[in-house]
C-alpha atoms as a PDB file:
ATOM      1  CA  MET A   1       0.000   0.000   0.000  1.00  0.00           C
ATOM      2  CA  LEU A   2       1.125   3.519  -0.805  1.00  0.00           C
ATOM      3  CA  ALA A   3      -0.759   6.559   0.500  1.00  0.00           C
ATOM      4  CA  GLY A   4      -0.021  10.238   0.184  1.00  0.00           C
ATOM      5  CA  SER A   5      -1.552  13.685   0.417  1.00  0.00           C
ATOM      6  CA  VAL A   6      -1.599  15.309  -3.019  1.00  0.00           C
ATOM      7  CA  ASP A   7      -2.762  18.758  -4.120  1.00  0.00           C
ATOM      8  CA  VAL A   8      -4.767  17.881  -7.228  1.00  0.00           C
ATOM      9  CA  THR A   9      -4.592  21.486  -8.437  1.00  0.00           C
ATOM     10  CA  ASP A  10      -0.824  21.025  -8.835  1.00  0.00           C
ATOM     11  CA  ALA A  11      -0.229  19.020 -12.026  1.00  0.00           C
ATOM     12  CA  GLY A  12       3.385  18.384 -11.106  1.00  0.00           C
ATOM     13  CA  ALA A  13       2.411  16.966  -7.716  1.00  0.00           C
ATOM     14  CA  VAL A  14      -0.067  14.601  -9.371  1.00  0.00           C
ATOM     15  CA  ASP A  15       2.603  13.445 -11.839  1.00  0.00           C
ATOM     16  CA  ARG A  16       5.110  12.849  -9.035  1.00  0.00           C
ATOM     17  CA  PHE A  17       2.672  10.770  -7.003  1.00  0.00           C
ATOM     18  CA  ALA A  18       1.798   8.667 -10.041  1.00  0.00           C
ATOM     19  CA  ALA A  19       5.495   8.066 -10.630  1.00  0.00           C
ATOM     20  CA  GLU A  20       5.886   6.886  -7.027  1.00  0.00           C
ATOM     21  CA  VAL A  21       3.011   4.441  -7.497  1.00  0.00           C
ATOM     22  CA  VAL A  22       4.499   3.089 -10.726  1.00  0.00           C
ATOM     23  CA  THR A  23       7.891   2.700  -9.060  1.00  0.00           C
ATOM     24  CA  ARG A  24       6.314   0.711  -6.229  1.00  0.00           C
ATOM     25  CA  PHE A  25       3.829  -1.424  -8.177  1.00  0.00           C
ATOM     26  CA  GLY A  26       5.012  -1.340 -11.790  1.00  0.00           C
ATOM     27  CA  ARG A  27       1.855   0.087 -13.369  1.00  0.00           C
ATOM     28  CA  ILE A  28      -1.529   1.697 -12.704  1.00  0.00           C
ATOM     29  CA  ASP A  29      -4.624   0.020 -14.126  1.00  0.00           C
ATOM     30  CA  LEU A  30      -7.414   1.987 -12.406  1.00  0.00           C
ATOM     31  CA  TRP A  31      -7.383   5.727 -11.704  1.00  0.00           C
ATOM     32  CA  ILE A  32     -10.227   7.431  -9.820  1.00  0.00           C
ATOM     33  CA  ASN A  33     -10.486  11.222  -9.587  1.00  0.00           C
ATOM     34  CA  ASN A  34     -12.633  11.748  -6.488  1.00  0.00           C
ATOM     35  CA  ALA A  35     -11.391  14.981  -4.887  1.00  0.00           C
ATOM     36  CA  GLY A  36     -14.117  17.624  -4.880  1.00  0.00           C
ATOM     37  CA  LEU A  37     -15.495  20.750  -3.234  1.00  0.00           C
ATOM     38  CA  LEU A  38     -19.166  21.641  -2.790  1.00  0.00           C
ATOM     39  CA  ALA A  39     -18.778  25.240  -1.604  1.00  0.00           C
ATOM     40  CA  PRO A  40     -19.765  27.910  -2.305  1.00  0.00           C
ATOM     41  CA  ILE A  41     -23.457  27.148  -1.777  1.00  0.00           C
ATOM     42  CA  GLY A  42     -26.004  29.874  -2.423  1.00  0.00           C
ATOM     43  CA  PRO A  43     -26.944  32.297  -5.175  1.00  0.00           C
ATOM     44  CA  LEU A  44     -24.113  32.924  -7.614  1.00  0.00           C
ATOM     45  CA  VAL A  45     -24.464  36.684  -7.145  1.00  0.00           C
ATOM     46  CA  ASP A  46     -23.439  36.263  -3.492  1.00  0.00           C
ATOM     47  CA  ALA A  47     -20.559  33.837  -4.064  1.00  0.00           C
ATOM     48  CA  ASP A  48     -17.057  34.755  -2.981  1.00  0.00           C
ATOM     49  CA  PRO A  49     -14.800  34.886  -6.072  1.00  0.00           C
ATOM     50  CA  GLY A  50     -12.043  33.072  -4.233  1.00  0.00           C
ATOM     51  CA  ALA A  51     -14.376  30.220  -3.300  1.00  0.00           C
ATOM     52  CA  LEU A  52     -15.530  29.976  -6.914  1.00  0.00           C
ATOM     53  CA  ARG A  53     -11.937  29.763  -8.089  1.00  0.00           C
ATOM     54  CA  SER A  54     -11.111  27.039  -5.570  1.00  0.00           C
ATOM     55  CA  ASN A  55     -14.167  25.042  -6.611  1.00  0.00           C
ATOM     56  CA  ILE A  56     -13.217  25.051 -10.279  1.00  0.00           C
ATOM     57  CA  GLU A  57      -9.528  24.440  -9.594  1.00  0.00           C
ATOM     58  CA  VAL A  58     -10.264  21.305  -7.561  1.00  0.00           C
ATOM     59  CA  ASN A  59     -13.380  19.983  -9.300  1.00  0.00           C
ATOM     60  CA  VAL A  60     -12.359  20.641 -12.901  1.00  0.00           C
ATOM     61  CA  LEU A  61      -8.610  21.263 -13.137  1.00  0.00           C
ATOM     62  CA  GLY A  62      -7.949  18.532 -10.573  1.00  0.00           C
ATOM     63  CA  VAL A  63      -9.834  16.060 -12.763  1.00  0.00           C
ATOM     64  CA  MET A  64      -8.010  17.292 -15.853  1.00  0.00           C
ATOM     65  CA  HIS A  65      -4.611  16.906 -14.194  1.00  0.00           C
ATOM     66  CA  GLY A  66      -5.379  13.396 -12.937  1.00  0.00           C
ATOM     67  CA  SER A  67      -6.867  12.318 -16.259  1.00  0.00           C
ATOM     68  CA  ALA A  68      -3.872  13.626 -18.194  1.00  0.00           C
ATOM     69  CA  THR A  69      -1.389  11.965 -15.852  1.00  0.00           C
ATOM     70  CA  PHE A  70      -3.115   8.605 -16.146  1.00  0.00           C
ATOM     71  CA  ALA A  71      -3.538   8.867 -19.921  1.00  0.00           C
ATOM     72  CA  ARG A  72       0.177   9.545 -20.342  1.00  0.00           C
ATOM     73  CA  HIS A  73       0.958   6.488 -18.231  1.00  0.00           C
ATOM     74  CA  VAL A  74      -1.417   4.225 -20.176  1.00  0.00           C
ATOM     75  CA  ARG A  75       0.253   5.294 -23.415  1.00  0.00           C
ATOM     76  CA  THR A  76       3.581   3.933 -22.135  1.00  0.00           C
ATOM     77  CA  ARG A  77       2.482   0.315 -21.813  1.00  0.00           C
ATOM     78  CA  THR A  78       0.096  -2.284 -23.181  1.00  0.00           C
ATOM     79  CA  GLY A  79      -3.133  -3.437 -21.575  1.00  0.00           C
ATOM     80  CA  GLY A  80      -5.125  -0.225 -21.441  1.00  0.00           C
ATOM     81  CA  GLY A  81      -6.649   1.109 -18.252  1.00  0.00           C
ATOM     82  CA  VAL A  82      -9.799   2.444 -16.622  1.00  0.00           C
ATOM     83  CA  LEU A  83     -10.304   6.092 -15.685  1.00  0.00           C
ATOM     84  CA  VAL A  84     -13.202   7.001 -13.390  1.00  0.00           C
ATOM     85  CA  ASN A  85     -14.048  10.655 -12.825  1.00  0.00           C
ATOM     86  CA  LEU A  86     -16.607  11.217 -10.075  1.00  0.00           C
ATOM     87  CA  SER A  87     -19.539  13.208 -11.389  1.00  0.00           C
ATOM     88  CA  SER A  88     -22.974  13.943  -9.932  1.00  0.00           C
ATOM     89  CA  GLY A  89     -26.639  14.147 -10.787  1.00  0.00           C
ATOM     90  CA  ALA A  90     -26.057  17.893 -10.465  1.00  0.00           C
ATOM     91  CA  ALA A  91     -24.194  17.747 -13.782  1.00  0.00           C
ATOM     92  CA  THR A  92     -27.502  17.441 -15.608  1.00  0.00           C
ATOM     93  CA  ARG A  93     -30.067  18.559 -13.035  1.00  0.00           C
ATOM     94  CA  PRO A  94     -29.921  22.244 -12.042  1.00  0.00           C
ATOM     95  CA  TYR A  95     -30.098  22.914  -8.298  1.00  0.00           C
ATOM     96  CA  VAL A  96     -30.664  26.461  -7.080  1.00  0.00           C
ATOM     97  CA  GLY A  97     -27.618  27.372  -4.994  1.00  0.00           C
ATOM     98  CA  TRP A  98     -25.219  25.016  -6.769  1.00  0.00           C
ATOM     99  CA  ALA A  99     -24.027  27.045  -9.745  1.00  0.00           C
ATOM    100  CA  ALA A 100     -20.381  26.281  -9.009  1.00  0.00           C
ATOM    101  CA  TYR A 101     -20.779  22.605  -8.130  1.00  0.00           C
ATOM    102  CA  GLY A 102     -23.250  21.774 -10.887  1.00  0.00           C
ATOM    103  CA  GLY A 103     -21.255  23.697 -13.463  1.00  0.00           C
ATOM    104  CA  ALA A 104     -18.054  21.943 -12.422  1.00  0.00           C
ATOM    105  CA  LYS A 105     -19.626  18.485 -12.606  1.00  0.00           C
ATOM    106  CA  ALA A 106     -21.064  19.246 -16.049  1.00  0.00           C
ATOM    107  CA  ALA A 107     -17.512  20.123 -17.081  1.00  0.00           C
ATOM    108  CA  VAL A 108     -16.264  16.834 -15.628  1.00  0.00           C
ATOM    109  CA  ASP A 109     -18.758  14.943 -17.783  1.00  0.00           C
ATOM    110  CA  MET A 110     -17.561  16.651 -20.956  1.00  0.00           C
ATOM    111  CA  VAL A 111     -13.869  16.336 -20.097  1.00  0.00           C
ATOM    112  CA  THR A 112     -14.413  12.613 -19.622  1.00  0.00           C
ATOM    113  CA  GLU A 113     -16.305  12.301 -22.910  1.00  0.00           C
ATOM    114  CA  VAL A 114     -13.407  13.954 -24.736  1.00  0.00           C
ATOM    115  CA  VAL A 115     -10.694  11.903 -23.004  1.00  0.00           C
ATOM    116  CA  ALA A 116     -12.583   8.691 -23.817  1.00  0.00           C
ATOM    117  CA  ARG A 117     -12.328   9.575 -27.489  1.00  0.00           C
ATOM    118  CA  GLU A 118      -8.801  10.949 -27.452  1.00  0.00           C
ATOM    119  CA  GLU A 119      -7.324   7.951 -25.648  1.00  0.00           C
ATOM    120  CA  ARG A 120      -9.383   5.167 -27.166  1.00  0.00           C
ATOM    121  CA  SER A 121      -6.553   3.914 -29.361  1.00  0.00           C
ATOM    122  CA  SER A 122      -4.328   3.374 -26.307  1.00  0.00           C
ATOM    123  CA  GLY A 123      -6.970   1.191 -24.659  1.00  0.00           C
ATOM    124  CA  LEU A 124      -8.025   3.685 -22.008  1.00  0.00           C
ATOM    125  CA  ARG A 125     -11.706   3.462 -21.024  1.00  0.00           C
ATOM    126  CA  ALA A 126     -13.039   6.601 -19.331  1.00  0.00           C
ATOM    127  CA  TYR A 127     -16.209   6.987 -17.280  1.00  0.00           C
ATOM    128  CA  ALA A 128     -17.955   9.935 -15.648  1.00  0.00           C
ATOM    129  CA  LEU A 129     -19.552   8.145 -12.708  1.00  0.00           C
ATOM    130  CA  SER A 130     -22.449   9.518 -10.701  1.00  0.00           C
ATOM    131  CA  PRO A 131     -22.308   7.495  -7.455  1.00  0.00           C
ATOM    132  CA  GLY A 132     -25.758   8.402  -6.177  1.00  0.00           C
ATOM    133  CA  LEU A 133     -26.111   9.744  -2.641  1.00  0.00           C
ATOM    134  CA  VAL A 134     -23.304   8.654  -0.308  1.00  0.00           C
ATOM    135  CA  ASP A 135     -23.200   9.923   3.290  1.00  0.00           C
ATOM    136  CA  THR A 136     -19.951  11.888   3.173  1.00  0.00           C
ATOM    137  CA  ASP A 137     -18.868  15.131   4.853  1.00  0.00           C
ATOM    138  CA  MET A 138     -20.320  16.846   1.797  1.00  0.00           C
ATOM    139  CA  GLN A 139     -23.753  15.496   2.679  1.00  0.00           C
ATOM    140  CA  ALA A 140     -23.375  16.813   6.224  1.00  0.00           C
ATOM    141  CA  LEU A 141     -22.631  20.255   4.799  1.00  0.00           C
ATOM    142  CA  ILE A 142     -25.740  20.081   2.614  1.00  0.00           C
ATOM    143  CA  ARG A 143     -27.943  19.175   5.575  1.00  0.00           C
ATOM    144  CA  ALA A 144     -26.538  22.098   7.551  1.00  0.00           C
ATOM    145  CA  THR A 145     -27.162  24.622   4.767  1.00  0.00           C
ATOM    146  CA  PRO A 146     -30.117  26.997   5.284  1.00  0.00           C
ATOM    147  CA  ASP A 147     -33.017  26.472   2.897  1.00  0.00           C
ATOM    148  CA  ASP A 148     -32.676  30.075   1.732  1.00  0.00           C
ATOM    149  CA  ASP A 149     -29.251  29.241   0.296  1.00  0.00           C
ATOM    150  CA  PHE A 150     -30.155  25.768  -0.941  1.00  0.00           C
ATOM    151  CA  PRO A 151     -33.908  25.149  -1.311  1.00  0.00           C
ATOM    152  CA  SER A 152     -33.402  21.421  -1.978  1.00  0.00           C
ATOM    153  CA  ALA A 153     -31.695  20.798   1.375  1.00  0.00           C
ATOM    154  CA  GLY A 154     -34.831  19.207   2.805  1.00  0.00           C
ATOM    155  CA  ARG A 155     -34.639  16.370   0.291  1.00  0.00           C
ATOM    156  CA  PHE A 156     -31.150  15.487   1.440  1.00  0.00           C
ATOM    157  CA  ARG A 157     -32.153  15.685   5.104  1.00  0.00           C
ATOM    158  CA  GLN A 158     -34.947  13.220   4.389  1.00  0.00           C
ATOM    159  CA  VAL A 159     -32.550  10.792   2.740  1.00  0.00           C
ATOM    160  CA  HIS A 160     -30.409  10.987   5.884  1.00  0.00           C
ATOM    161  CA  GLU A 161     -33.404  10.289   8.100  1.00  0.00           C
ATOM    162  CA  ASP A 162     -34.397   7.347   5.925  1.00  0.00           C
ATOM    163  CA  GLY A 163     -30.829   6.038   5.774  1.00  0.00           C
ATOM    164  CA  SER A 164     -31.240   5.409   2.064  1.00  0.00           C
ATOM    165  CA  PHE A 165     -27.694   6.203   0.966  1.00  0.00           C
ATOM    166  CA  ASN A 166     -25.434   4.193  -1.282  1.00  0.00           C
ATOM    167  CA  SER A 167     -22.588   2.840   0.831  1.00  0.00           C
ATOM    168  CA  PRO A 168     -18.960   3.359  -0.223  1.00  0.00           C
ATOM    169  CA  ALA A 169     -18.636  -0.425  -0.504  1.00  0.00           C
ATOM    170  CA  TRP A 170     -21.619  -0.541  -2.888  1.00  0.00           C
ATOM    171  CA  VAL A 171     -20.081   2.108  -5.144  1.00  0.00           C
ATOM    172  CA  THR A 172     -16.675   0.429  -5.030  1.00  0.00           C
ATOM    173  CA  ARG A 173     -18.154  -2.939  -5.982  1.00  0.00           C
ATOM    174  CA  PHE A 174     -19.986  -1.339  -8.910  1.00  0.00           C
ATOM    175  CA  ILE A 175     -16.757   0.197 -10.191  1.00  0.00           C
ATOM    176  CA  LEU A 176     -14.836  -3.065  -9.943  1.00  0.00           C
ATOM    177  CA  ASP A 177     -17.562  -5.359 -11.273  1.00  0.00           C
ATOM    178  CA  GLN A 178     -19.096  -3.177 -13.968  1.00  0.00           C
ATOM    179  CA  LEU A 179     -16.372  -0.799 -15.122  1.00  0.00           C
ATOM    180  CA  VAL A 180     -13.141  -2.694 -14.535  1.00  0.00           C
ATOM    181  CA  ASP A 181     -14.099  -6.358 -14.940  1.00  0.00           C
ATOM    182  CA  GLY A 182     -17.336  -5.908 -16.884  1.00  0.00           C
ATOM    183  CA  VAL A 183     -17.506  -6.349 -20.647  1.00  0.00           C
ATOM    184  CA  ASP A 184     -18.319  -2.954 -22.139  1.00  0.00           C
ATOM    185  CA  VAL A 185     -18.920  -3.605 -25.825  1.00  0.00           C
ATOM    186  CA  ALA A 186     -19.603   0.059 -26.526  1.00  0.00           C
ATOM    187  CA  GLN A 187     -16.107   1.029 -25.417  1.00  0.00           C
ATOM    188  CA  SER A 188     -14.104  -2.057 -26.321  1.00  0.00           C
ATOM    189  CA  GLY A 189     -15.391  -2.702 -29.834  1.00  0.00           C
ATOM    190  CA  PRO A 190     -12.953  -1.103 -32.333  1.00  0.00           C
ATOM    191  CA  GLY A 191     -15.710  -0.539 -34.891  1.00  0.00           C
ATOM    192  CA  THR A 192     -18.131   1.174 -32.526  1.00  0.00           C
ATOM    193  CA  PRO A 193     -19.033   4.729 -33.630  1.00  0.00           C
ATOM    194  CA  LEU A 194     -17.671   7.363 -31.273  1.00  0.00           C
ATOM    195  CA  ASP A 195     -21.132   8.749 -30.528  1.00  0.00           C
ATOM    196  CA  GLU A 196     -22.140   5.347 -29.130  1.00  0.00           C
ATOM    197  CA  VAL A 197     -19.310   5.073 -26.622  1.00  0.00           C
ATOM    198  CA  THR A 198     -20.706   4.697 -23.101  1.00  0.00           C
ATOM    199  CA  VAL A 199     -19.072   7.241 -20.816  1.00  0.00           C
ATOM    200  CA  ARG A 200     -21.661   8.676 -18.409  1.00  0.00           C
ATOM    201  CA  VAL A 201     -22.708   6.051 -15.876  1.00  0.00           C
ATOM    202  CA  ARG A 202     -24.837   6.136 -12.724  1.00  0.00           C
ATOM    203  CA  VAL A 203     -24.536   3.723  -9.818  1.00  0.00           C
ATOM    204  CA  PRO A 204     -27.946   2.147  -9.141  1.00  0.00           C
ATOM    205  CA  ASP A 205     -29.607   2.812  -5.797  1.00  0.00           C
ATOM    206  CA  GLN A 206     -28.731   0.336  -3.087  1.00  0.00           C
ATOM    207  CA  HIS A 207     -31.690  -1.558  -1.657  1.00  0.00           C
END
């Protein structure tokens, strides 16, 4: 096992960590970009410019840096690889108060779509994965947000009361079974038209 604290907004730092992993284990077959910020929450007109910048730097540039680092690595060896960029339902569903977060996740979806096409010949399969609702610190922040800043907060509080989250283990198993080990004809078939490549994926609700 190799663990480290990496600033995803620093492309060089991401490259260096990847190099450490390759030195230790020989190669990287699965890369997950999961770092993300929810703040600022509230009307865009009231948002602090610095908070907006931080959101985009982590949520979008961080994903770009990680995706680029992994794609360069995959190009150096045979066997392809799987890239998973964590997205959100907010990428396609507008929530009042989430201009920064929703906009960033929409960007993540498109970045992933483009990388899937650019790196197809090297065997890289890229997915923008919406994990469903998982009870993270981000969810705690949502529940603590006043309804005036985020009118949909009540929905998330209800999910917490019901305990109807997807567990981290459920999401992990989906990634391993469906995206890594699963047979994805749309991505693996060399004759498949680019507009039929499956990139945006949602984890089903856990029951």
